[in-house]
């Protein structure tokens, strides 16, 4: 991802000639998803029919190909636990991320 999270100037409310987005890149849009990158914990963005991490540039055709959803680990007592991307239940200054990877409520 060569350009940092660019948005269409009109969508950002920036309609003046001093737009920070070059005219040929005006159609580049990244939409935030409810997923977190499994590699670096960065936000997963939708872009051009695919998905890309805003931090480490990991990419995939679906969000689950790069996010923490579906990661399985061995839990206590031999039970397998599944991770899921969820809204941050403790969002605040110490944990500002909108979404985090948590254990899914049910063991599999």
N, C-alpha and C. Protein backbone atom coordinates (compact mmCIF):
# COMPACT_ATOMS: atom_id res chain seq x y z
N UNK A 1 0.87 -1.16 0.00
CA UNK A 1 0.00 0.00 0.00
C UNK A 1 0.91 1.21 0.00
N UNK A 2 1.03 1.86 -1.12
CA UNK A 2 1.96 2.96 -1.24
C UNK A 2 1.44 4.25 -0.63
N UNK A 3 0.15 4.48 -0.71
CA UNK A 3 -0.42 5.70 -0.15
C UNK A 3 -1.02 5.40 1.21
N UNK A 4 -0.82 6.30 2.14
CA UNK A 4 -1.45 6.15 3.44
C UNK A 4 -2.94 6.37 3.27
N UNK A 5 -3.74 5.70 3.99
CA UNK A 5 -5.19 5.74 3.97
C UNK A 5 -5.78 6.98 3.31
N UNK A 6 -5.83 6.99 2.00
CA UNK A 6 -6.37 8.11 1.25
C UNK A 6 -7.87 7.98 1.14
N UNK A 7 -8.54 9.11 1.13
CA UNK A 7 -9.99 9.12 0.92
C UNK A 7 -10.33 10.11 -0.16
N UNK A 8 -11.48 9.95 -0.73
CA UNK A 8 -11.95 10.88 -1.75
C UNK A 8 -12.10 12.25 -1.10
N UNK A 9 -11.57 13.33 -1.69
CA UNK A 9 -11.65 14.65 -1.08
C UNK A 9 -13.07 15.07 -0.75
N UNK A 10 -14.04 14.76 -1.61
CA UNK A 10 -15.42 15.15 -1.35
C UNK A 10 -15.95 14.42 -0.13
N UNK A 11 -15.58 13.14 0.03
CA UNK A 11 -16.05 12.37 1.18
C UNK A 11 -15.45 12.89 2.47
N UNK A 12 -14.26 13.45 2.39
CA UNK A 12 -13.59 13.96 3.59
C UNK A 12 -13.98 15.41 3.88
N UNK A 13 -14.81 15.98 3.02
CA UNK A 13 -15.20 17.37 3.23
C UNK A 13 -14.18 18.35 2.73
N UNK A 14 -13.17 17.89 2.02
CA UNK A 14 -12.12 18.75 1.51
C UNK A 14 -12.35 18.94 0.02
N UNK A 15 -12.99 20.03 -0.36
CA UNK A 15 -13.33 20.25 -1.76
C UNK A 15 -12.49 21.34 -2.39
N UNK A 16 -11.54 21.89 -1.66
CA UNK A 16 -10.72 22.98 -2.19
C UNK A 16 -9.62 22.48 -3.10
N UNK A 17 -8.95 23.41 -3.77
CA UNK A 17 -7.88 23.07 -4.69
C UNK A 17 -6.65 22.54 -3.96
N UNK A 18 -6.56 22.78 -2.67
CA UNK A 18 -5.39 22.33 -1.91
C UNK A 18 -5.61 20.93 -1.32
N UNK A 19 -6.33 20.08 -2.04
CA UNK A 19 -6.62 18.73 -1.58
C UNK A 19 -5.33 17.96 -1.34
N UNK A 20 -5.23 17.23 -0.20
CA UNK A 20 -4.03 16.43 0.06
C UNK A 20 -3.96 15.18 -0.80
N UNK A 21 -5.03 14.85 -1.52
CA UNK A 21 -5.08 13.67 -2.35
C UNK A 21 -4.93 14.10 -3.80
N UNK A 22 -3.93 13.58 -4.52
CA UNK A 22 -3.77 13.94 -5.93
C UNK A 22 -5.02 13.56 -6.73
N UNK A 23 -5.29 14.31 -7.80
CA UNK A 23 -6.50 14.11 -8.60
C UNK A 23 -6.59 12.68 -9.13
N UNK A 24 -5.47 12.08 -9.53
CA UNK A 24 -5.53 10.73 -10.08
C UNK A 24 -5.78 9.67 -9.01
N UNK A 25 -5.65 10.01 -7.73
CA UNK A 25 -5.91 9.08 -6.63
C UNK A 25 -7.22 9.39 -5.93
N UNK A 26 -8.04 10.28 -6.48
CA UNK A 26 -9.25 10.73 -5.80
C UNK A 26 -10.25 9.59 -5.57
N UNK A 27 -10.22 8.55 -6.38
CA UNK A 27 -11.18 7.46 -6.22
C UNK A 27 -10.71 6.37 -5.26
N UNK A 28 -9.52 6.49 -4.68
CA UNK A 28 -9.01 5.49 -3.76
C UNK A 28 -9.73 5.64 -2.42
N UNK A 29 -10.44 4.59 -2.03
CA UNK A 29 -11.17 4.61 -0.76
C UNK A 29 -10.80 3.39 0.06
N UNK A 30 -10.60 3.58 1.33
CA UNK A 30 -10.37 2.51 2.28
C UNK A 30 -11.49 2.60 3.30
N UNK A 31 -12.21 1.51 3.50
CA UNK A 31 -13.30 1.50 4.46
C UNK A 31 -12.92 0.61 5.62
N UNK A 32 -13.05 1.14 6.83
CA UNK A 32 -12.72 0.39 8.05
C UNK A 32 -13.69 -0.76 8.23
N UNK A 33 -13.20 -1.91 8.60
CA UNK A 33 -14.05 -3.06 8.88
C UNK A 33 -14.01 -3.35 10.39
N UNK A 34 -14.78 -4.31 10.82
CA UNK A 34 -14.82 -4.69 12.23
C UNK A 34 -13.83 -5.82 12.50
N UNK A 35 -12.64 -5.74 11.88
CA UNK A 35 -11.65 -6.79 12.02
C UNK A 35 -10.29 -6.22 12.37
N UNK A 36 -9.44 -7.07 12.98
CA UNK A 36 -8.11 -6.70 13.44
C UNK A 36 -7.10 -7.67 12.81
N UNK A 37 -5.98 -7.14 12.33
CA UNK A 37 -4.95 -7.96 11.69
C UNK A 37 -4.36 -8.95 12.69
N UNK A 38 -4.25 -10.21 12.28
CA UNK A 38 -3.69 -11.24 13.17
C UNK A 38 -2.19 -11.12 13.30
N UNK A 39 -1.53 -10.40 12.39
CA UNK A 39 -0.08 -10.27 12.42
C UNK A 39 0.38 -9.14 13.34
N UNK A 40 -0.26 -7.95 13.20
CA UNK A 40 0.23 -6.78 13.93
C UNK A 40 -0.83 -6.09 14.78
N UNK A 41 -2.06 -6.59 14.77
CA UNK A 41 -3.19 -6.03 15.51
C UNK A 41 -3.66 -4.68 14.96
N UNK A 42 -3.27 -4.35 13.74
CA UNK A 42 -3.73 -3.12 13.10
C UNK A 42 -5.13 -3.28 12.54
N UNK A 43 -5.77 -2.18 12.17
CA UNK A 43 -7.12 -2.26 11.61
C UNK A 43 -7.11 -2.85 10.19
N UNK A 44 -8.10 -3.66 9.89
CA UNK A 44 -8.26 -4.23 8.55
C UNK A 44 -9.20 -3.33 7.77
N UNK A 45 -8.75 -2.92 6.59
CA UNK A 45 -9.51 -2.00 5.74
C UNK A 45 -9.97 -2.71 4.47
N UNK A 46 -11.17 -2.37 4.00
CA UNK A 46 -11.64 -2.88 2.72
C UNK A 46 -11.18 -1.93 1.64
N UNK A 47 -10.67 -2.48 0.54
CA UNK A 47 -10.16 -1.65 -0.54
C UNK A 47 -10.23 -2.40 -1.85
N UNK A 48 -10.98 -1.88 -2.79
CA UNK A 48 -11.03 -2.43 -4.14
C UNK A 48 -11.43 -3.90 -4.20
N UNK A 49 -12.37 -4.32 -3.39
CA UNK A 49 -12.82 -5.70 -3.41
C UNK A 49 -11.97 -6.65 -2.60
N UNK A 50 -10.89 -6.16 -2.00
CA UNK A 50 -10.03 -6.98 -1.15
C UNK A 50 -9.90 -6.33 0.22
N UNK A 51 -9.05 -6.89 1.02
CA UNK A 51 -8.85 -6.40 2.38
C UNK A 51 -7.36 -6.24 2.64
N UNK A 52 -7.00 -5.18 3.36
CA UNK A 52 -5.60 -4.89 3.62
C UNK A 52 -5.46 -4.34 5.03
N UNK A 53 -4.35 -4.68 5.69
CA UNK A 53 -4.06 -4.12 7.01
C UNK A 53 -3.50 -2.72 6.83
N UNK A 54 -3.98 -1.78 7.62
CA UNK A 54 -3.53 -0.40 7.53
C UNK A 54 -2.13 -0.21 8.09
N UNK A 55 -1.59 -1.18 8.81
CA UNK A 55 -0.28 -1.04 9.43
C UNK A 55 0.79 -1.85 8.70
N UNK A 56 0.56 -3.15 8.53
CA UNK A 56 1.63 -4.01 7.98
C UNK A 56 1.43 -4.40 6.53
N UNK A 57 0.36 -3.95 5.89
CA UNK A 57 0.07 -4.22 4.48
C UNK A 57 -0.27 -5.67 4.18
N UNK A 58 -0.57 -6.49 5.19
CA UNK A 58 -1.05 -7.84 4.91
C UNK A 58 -2.33 -7.70 4.11
N UNK A 59 -2.56 -8.60 3.15
CA UNK A 59 -3.76 -8.46 2.34
C UNK A 59 -4.35 -9.84 2.05
N UNK A 60 -5.65 -9.83 1.71
CA UNK A 60 -6.34 -11.06 1.38
C UNK A 60 -7.66 -10.77 0.71
N UNK A 61 -8.27 -11.81 0.17
CA UNK A 61 -9.54 -11.66 -0.55
C UNK A 61 -10.72 -11.50 0.41
N UNK A 62 -10.58 -12.01 1.63
CA UNK A 62 -11.64 -11.89 2.63
C UNK A 62 -11.01 -11.36 3.92
N UNK A 63 -11.82 -10.74 4.80
CA UNK A 63 -11.22 -10.24 6.04
C UNK A 63 -10.68 -11.38 6.90
N UNK A 64 -11.34 -12.54 6.88
CA UNK A 64 -10.87 -13.65 7.72
C UNK A 64 -9.54 -14.23 7.26
N UNK A 65 -9.11 -13.89 6.05
CA UNK A 65 -7.81 -14.38 5.59
C UNK A 65 -6.65 -13.63 6.24
N UNK A 66 -6.90 -12.46 6.83
CA UNK A 66 -5.83 -11.72 7.50
C UNK A 66 -6.17 -11.32 8.93
N UNK A 67 -7.44 -11.49 9.34
CA UNK A 67 -7.82 -11.04 10.69
C UNK A 67 -7.73 -12.17 11.71
N UNK A 68 -8.03 -11.85 12.95
CA UNK A 68 -7.93 -12.82 14.04
C UNK A 68 -9.11 -13.75 14.16
N UNK A 69 -10.18 -13.53 13.41
CA UNK A 69 -11.35 -14.40 13.48
C UNK A 69 -10.99 -15.81 13.04
N UNK A 70 -11.38 -16.76 13.83
CA UNK A 70 -11.17 -18.15 13.44
C UNK A 70 -9.86 -18.76 13.88
N UNK A 71 -8.96 -17.99 14.47
CA UNK A 71 -7.71 -18.57 14.97
C UNK A 71 -8.07 -19.50 16.13
N UNK A 72 -7.54 -20.71 16.10
CA UNK A 72 -7.84 -21.69 17.14
C UNK A 72 -6.59 -22.00 17.95
N UNK A 73 -6.75 -22.11 19.27
CA UNK A 73 -5.65 -22.47 20.15
C UNK A 73 -6.14 -23.54 21.13
N UNK A 74 -5.19 -24.28 21.69
CA UNK A 74 -5.55 -25.28 22.69
C UNK A 74 -5.81 -24.58 24.02
N UNK A 75 -6.98 -24.78 24.58
CA UNK A 75 -7.35 -24.14 25.84
C UNK A 75 -7.19 -25.07 27.02
N UNK A 76 -7.59 -24.60 28.21
CA UNK A 76 -7.49 -25.43 29.41
C UNK A 76 -8.31 -26.72 29.26
N UNK A 77 -7.80 -27.79 29.79
CA UNK A 77 -8.51 -29.07 29.75
C UNK A 77 -8.58 -29.69 28.37
N UNK A 78 -7.74 -29.24 27.44
CA UNK A 78 -7.73 -29.81 26.11
C UNK A 78 -8.79 -29.25 25.18
N UNK A 79 -9.59 -28.34 25.67
CA UNK A 79 -10.62 -27.74 24.82
C UNK A 79 -9.99 -26.72 23.89
N UNK A 80 -10.48 -26.67 22.67
CA UNK A 80 -9.98 -25.70 21.70
C UNK A 80 -10.76 -24.41 21.87
N UNK A 81 -10.05 -23.30 21.79
CA UNK A 81 -10.68 -21.98 21.90
C UNK A 81 -10.57 -21.26 20.57
N UNK A 82 -11.57 -20.52 20.23
CA UNK A 82 -11.62 -19.79 18.99
C UNK A 82 -11.54 -18.29 19.29
N UNK A 83 -10.74 -17.58 18.51
CA UNK A 83 -10.66 -16.12 18.65
C UNK A 83 -11.67 -15.46 17.71
N UNK A 84 -12.05 -14.24 18.04
CA UNK A 84 -12.96 -13.46 17.20
C UNK A 84 -12.62 -11.98 17.32
N UNK A 85 -12.85 -11.24 16.25
CA UNK A 85 -12.70 -9.79 16.28
C UNK A 85 -13.99 -9.21 16.85
N UNK A 86 -13.85 -8.38 17.90
CA UNK A 86 -15.03 -7.81 18.56
C UNK A 86 -14.78 -6.34 18.87
N UNK A 87 -15.86 -5.56 19.08
CA UNK A 87 -15.65 -4.19 19.55
C UNK A 87 -14.90 -4.21 20.88
N UNK A 88 -14.03 -3.24 21.08
CA UNK A 88 -13.22 -3.17 22.29
C UNK A 88 -14.11 -2.89 23.50
N UNK A 89 -14.21 -3.83 24.45
CA UNK A 89 -15.07 -3.62 25.61
C UNK A 89 -14.49 -2.62 26.62
N UNK A 90 -13.20 -2.33 26.53
CA UNK A 90 -12.55 -1.44 27.48
C UNK A 90 -11.89 -0.27 26.75
N UNK A 91 -12.57 0.27 25.76
CA UNK A 91 -11.98 1.36 24.98
C UNK A 91 -11.79 2.59 25.84
N UNK A 92 -10.61 3.18 25.74
CA UNK A 92 -10.29 4.37 26.51
C UNK A 92 -8.86 4.78 26.21
N UNK A 93 -8.29 5.70 26.99
CA UNK A 93 -6.93 6.18 26.72
C UNK A 93 -5.88 5.07 26.76
N UNK A 94 -6.06 4.08 27.61
CA UNK A 94 -5.07 3.00 27.71
C UNK A 94 -5.23 1.97 26.59
N UNK A 95 -6.41 1.92 25.97
CA UNK A 95 -6.69 0.95 24.91
C UNK A 95 -7.62 1.60 23.88
N UNK A 96 -7.08 2.45 23.00
CA UNK A 96 -7.92 3.24 22.10
C UNK A 96 -8.47 2.51 20.88
N UNK A 97 -8.04 1.29 20.62
CA UNK A 97 -8.50 0.56 19.43
C UNK A 97 -10.01 0.36 19.46
N UNK A 98 -10.62 0.50 18.30
CA UNK A 98 -12.06 0.29 18.19
C UNK A 98 -12.44 -1.17 18.25
N UNK A 99 -11.55 -2.04 17.72
CA UNK A 99 -11.80 -3.48 17.70
C UNK A 99 -10.57 -4.21 18.22
N UNK A 100 -10.81 -5.36 18.87
CA UNK A 100 -9.72 -6.16 19.41
C UNK A 100 -10.01 -7.64 19.11
N UNK A 101 -9.00 -8.48 19.27
CA UNK A 101 -9.17 -9.92 19.14
C UNK A 101 -9.40 -10.49 20.51
N UNK A 102 -10.52 -11.20 20.71
CA UNK A 102 -10.85 -11.78 21.99
C UNK A 102 -11.19 -13.26 21.81
N UNK A 103 -11.25 -13.99 22.93
CA UNK A 103 -11.73 -15.36 22.86
C UNK A 103 -13.21 -15.34 22.52
N UNK A 104 -13.62 -16.22 21.64
CA UNK A 104 -15.05 -16.36 21.35
C UNK A 104 -15.71 -16.93 22.60
N UNK A 105 -16.98 -16.63 22.82
CA UNK A 105 -17.62 -17.07 24.06
C UNK A 105 -17.73 -18.58 24.22
N UNK A 106 -17.73 -19.32 23.13
CA UNK A 106 -17.88 -20.78 23.24
C UNK A 106 -16.62 -21.49 22.80
N UNK A 107 -16.26 -22.52 23.52
CA UNK A 107 -15.14 -23.36 23.11
C UNK A 107 -15.62 -24.30 22.02
N UNK A 108 -14.70 -24.70 21.15
CA UNK A 108 -15.09 -25.63 20.08
C UNK A 108 -14.38 -26.96 20.27
